[in-house]
């Protein structure tokens, strides 16, 4: 009987200790009264099933511009780059959400997964046929407008 009581006592103490540690301030897993909102900037290249050479080039230039210019922000999760196929049924809503008329590069600011503002970088089609640096500068400026000048 003493062994059963000792085992039960040890189990209760272990549960209590775990609860105390989880509630300790500074513990990343500790619940808080008001968790901060998750804030993220997303650069999305919207394409379809058919991808011409220019469409592929736009995606490559866009991805390179974001990865080279904003490596730190990508690493911390403050910024993300996504390629999204709008010909898939689950992505068709983006056509209406962002008034897309062709393959596009859109920068969004999201808070807790909800878009609070967005910009279609529509000059990518003009710039892709010229100097890649001008394309990169344009994309970087569009993203920086969302990240802030310190980026």
Foldseek 3Di string as FASTA:
>chain_A
DVVVVVVVVVVVVVVVVVVVVLCDPPPPNNDDPDDAWDKAKEKEWEAAPDADPLSVLLLVLLVVLCCVPPVVCVVVRRYYYYYHHCHDPVNVVVCVVVVDDHGWIKMFMDINRHTPDMDTLPCSVVPSVDDSVVSSVSSSVVNCVVVDDVD
